[in-house]
Amino acid sequence: MPVTAWTIDPAHSTVLFIARHMVVARVHGRFERIAGVLRVDSEHPTQGEVEVSADTASIYTGAPERDAHLRSPDFLDAEAAPKLTFRSTGTEATGGAGFRLSGELTIRNVTKPVVFEARHTATSKDPWGNTRLIFTARATLNRSDYGIRWNKTLDNGGWLVGEKVDIELDIQAVPAAS
């Protein structure tokens, strides 16, 4: 089959993050507005190209005050940098349905290389007969590499917000409209 375009289904896809809070706790959040395109052959879905974006203003952790702070210049600076983007630059098979997805991640208008450990979990038909490509991917990044340095020192000497942030993608894509 030829390479075709697949559109990320935002109603069935998530871009998640996990960050340490007060050294030992973890805070989970997501971006509620995401979009993207995959250009792959459905017979060889671990090879191809990916573009994903998330509206930084759509960050959601379940705590409105924290979400507002995360949108501020202390963190994502959603007004000056309204999109978080990932564009793939290559793939490397790791066995079975697994692969490494290399690319460039842009946060706060700073672009850095990143590698996601990814997996094609299924090509499936939904109840309405639509073919779906389903993927998961995970990477860990250092937020200060993207200019996100805000923090507070705790009484025990630790930091309020951890430097490492896990990014997880759960993606369902459908054939792009002609």
Protein backbone atom coordinates (compact mmCIF):
# COMPACT_ATOMS: atom_id res chain seq x y z
CA MET A 1 0.00 0.00 0.00
CA PRO A 2 1.17 3.54 -0.62
CA VAL A 3 1.94 6.03 2.12
CA THR A 4 -1.24 7.88 3.04
CA ALA A 5 -2.16 10.65 5.42
CA TRP A 6 -3.93 9.83 8.68
CA THR A 7 -5.48 12.46 10.90
CA ILE A 8 -5.16 12.22 14.67
CA ASP A 9 -8.60 11.75 16.22
CA PRO A 10 -8.54 14.26 19.11
CA ALA A 11 -11.60 12.70 20.77
CA HIS A 12 -9.72 9.40 21.17
CA SER A 13 -6.13 10.62 21.59
CA THR A 14 -4.24 12.17 24.48
CA VAL A 15 -1.00 14.03 25.08
CA LEU A 16 -0.19 13.52 28.76
CA PHE A 17 2.57 14.67 31.07
CA ILE A 18 3.74 13.60 34.49
CA ALA A 19 5.95 15.78 36.69
CA ARG A 20 7.28 15.34 40.21
CA HIS A 21 5.77 17.60 42.86
CA MET A 22 7.46 18.13 46.24
CA VAL A 23 10.09 15.50 45.33
CA VAL A 24 7.94 12.38 45.82
CA ALA A 25 4.42 13.06 44.51
CA ARG A 26 3.47 13.01 40.85
CA VAL A 27 1.18 15.47 39.08
CA HIS A 28 -0.59 14.26 35.95
CA GLY A 29 -1.94 16.54 33.27
CA ARG A 30 -2.98 16.63 29.66
CA PHE A 31 -3.55 18.95 26.77
CA GLU A 32 -7.21 19.09 25.85
CA ARG A 33 -6.75 20.44 22.29
CA ILE A 34 -4.46 18.38 20.08
CA ALA A 35 -4.11 17.83 16.34
CA GLY A 36 -1.80 16.09 13.96
CA VAL A 37 -1.09 14.05 10.88
CA LEU A 38 0.68 10.74 10.33
CA ARG A 39 2.01 9.83 6.89
CA VAL A 40 2.38 6.06 6.93
CA ASP A 41 1.59 2.89 5.03
CA SER A 42 -1.02 0.99 7.05
CA GLU A 43 0.90 -2.24 6.23
CA HIS A 44 4.11 -0.79 7.76
CA PRO A 45 2.84 1.70 10.36
CA THR A 46 6.12 1.88 12.31
CA GLN A 47 7.73 3.70 9.38
CA GLY A 48 6.73 7.17 8.26
CA GLU A 49 6.32 10.70 9.51
CA VAL A 50 4.40 12.26 12.37
CA GLU A 51 3.39 15.83 13.20
CA VAL A 52 1.54 16.50 16.46
CA SER A 53 0.61 19.78 18.11
CA ALA A 54 -1.08 20.74 21.35
CA ASP A 55 -2.53 24.12 22.31
CA THR A 56 -0.57 25.14 25.39
CA ALA A 57 -3.57 27.10 26.71
CA SER A 58 -5.50 23.82 26.85
CA ILE A 59 -3.32 22.37 29.63
CA TYR A 60 -5.43 20.67 32.28
CA THR A 61 -4.37 19.17 35.61
CA GLY A 62 -7.68 19.44 37.48
CA ALA A 63 -6.52 22.44 39.54
CA PRO A 64 -7.53 25.78 37.93
CA GLU A 65 -4.94 27.87 39.80
CA ARG A 66 -2.14 25.45 38.89
CA ASP A 67 -3.35 25.35 35.26
CA ALA A 68 -3.26 29.16 35.10
CA HIS A 69 0.29 29.13 36.51
CA LEU A 70 1.34 26.50 33.95
CA ARG A 71 0.00 28.76 31.16
CA SER A 72 1.99 31.73 32.51
CA PRO A 73 5.50 32.83 31.47
CA ASP A 74 6.85 30.84 34.46
CA PHE A 75 6.08 27.62 32.57
CA LEU A 76 4.57 27.27 29.07
CA ASP A 77 4.01 30.98 28.32
CA ALA A 78 0.87 30.11 26.35
CA GLU A 79 0.39 33.66 25.09
CA ALA A 80 3.87 33.90 23.50
CA ALA A 81 4.10 30.20 22.61
CA PRO A 82 0.57 28.97 21.84
CA LYS A 83 1.62 25.57 20.46
CA LEU A 84 3.72 22.66 21.64
CA THR A 85 4.80 20.71 18.52
CA PHE A 86 6.56 17.49 17.60
CA ARG A 87 7.82 16.67 14.11
CA SER A 88 9.44 13.32 13.49
CA THR A 89 12.79 13.02 11.76
CA GLY A 90 13.12 9.24 11.66
CA THR A 91 12.16 5.84 13.00
CA GLU A 92 14.19 2.84 14.12
CA ALA A 93 12.64 -0.60 14.60
CA THR A 94 13.20 -2.10 18.06
CA GLY A 95 11.45 -5.40 17.48
CA GLY A 96 7.88 -6.47 16.91
CA ALA A 97 5.57 -3.47 16.93
CA GLY A 98 8.09 -1.33 18.84
CA PHE A 99 10.16 1.50 17.39
CA ARG A 100 12.06 4.61 18.35
CA LEU A 101 10.51 7.77 17.00
CA SER A 102 13.10 10.55 16.71
CA GLY A 103 12.12 14.12 16.13
CA GLU A 104 12.12 17.72 17.18
CA LEU A 105 9.98 18.89 20.10
CA THR A 106 9.21 22.58 20.40
CA ILE A 107 8.09 24.00 23.74
CA ARG A 108 8.13 27.76 24.47
CA ASN A 109 9.53 28.30 20.97
CA VAL A 110 12.62 26.26 21.88
CA THR A 111 13.25 23.23 19.67
CA LYS A 112 15.28 20.24 20.88
CA PRO A 113 15.75 16.70 19.62
CA VAL A 114 13.80 14.01 21.47
CA VAL A 115 13.35 10.26 21.09
CA PHE A 116 10.07 8.57 21.94
CA GLU A 117 9.90 4.85 22.68
CA ALA A 118 6.85 4.00 20.60
CA ARG A 119 4.61 1.08 19.79
CA HIS A 120 2.03 0.42 17.12
CA THR A 121 -0.60 -1.25 19.28
CA ALA A 122 -3.19 -2.00 16.60
CA THR A 123 -4.69 -1.38 13.22
CA SER A 124 -8.37 -1.91 13.81
CA LYS A 125 -11.83 -1.18 12.49
CA ASP A 126 -14.19 0.73 14.74
CA PRO A 127 -17.90 -0.23 14.97
CA TRP A 128 -18.67 2.05 12.00
CA GLY A 129 -16.14 0.34 9.71
CA ASN A 130 -13.47 3.04 9.88
CA THR A 131 -9.86 1.86 9.97
CA ARG A 132 -7.82 3.23 12.87
CA LEU A 133 -4.10 3.19 13.53
CA ILE A 134 -3.37 3.11 17.26
CA PHE A 135 -0.02 4.07 18.80
CA THR A 136 1.56 4.77 22.17
CA ALA A 137 4.79 6.68 22.76
CA ARG A 138 6.76 7.85 25.76
CA ALA A 139 9.74 10.14 26.36
CA THR A 140 11.35 11.88 29.30
CA LEU A 141 12.68 15.40 28.97
CA ASN A 142 14.35 18.01 31.12
CA ARG A 143 12.05 21.02 31.32
CA SER A 144 14.92 23.48 31.83
CA ASP A 145 16.20 22.55 28.34
CA TYR A 146 13.10 24.38 27.08
CA GLY A 147 13.55 27.43 29.29
CA ILE A 148 11.11 26.26 31.97
CA ARG A 149 13.12 27.00 35.11
CA TRP A 150 10.60 28.30 37.67
CA ASN A 151 10.86 26.52 41.00
CA LYS A 152 10.71 26.93 44.78
CA THR A 153 12.99 25.40 47.38
CA LEU A 154 11.29 23.25 50.01
CA ASP A 155 12.16 23.26 53.71
CA ASN A 156 13.77 19.83 53.30
CA GLY A 157 16.09 21.19 50.58
CA GLY A 158 14.23 19.60 47.68
CA TRP A 159 12.42 21.36 44.87
CA LEU A 160 8.70 21.97 44.48
CA VAL A 161 8.73 20.90 40.80
CA GLY A 162 10.98 18.17 39.40
CA GLU A 163 13.23 18.84 36.41
CA LYS A 164 12.27 15.67 34.55
CA VAL A 165 8.89 15.47 32.83
CA ASP A 166 7.45 12.32 31.25
CA ILE A 167 5.46 12.84 28.06
CA GLU A 168 3.04 10.10 26.98
CA LEU A 169 1.07 9.92 23.76
CA ASP A 170 -1.93 7.70 23.16
CA ILE A 171 -2.87 8.24 19.53
CA GLN A 172 -5.69 7.02 17.34
CA ALA A 173 -5.55 8.12 13.71
CA VAL A 174 -8.13 7.77 10.95
CA PRO A 175 -7.62 8.16 7.19
CA ALA A 176 -7.42 11.84 6.29
CA ALA A 177 -10.33 13.23 4.31
CA SER A 178 -9.61 13.40 0.58
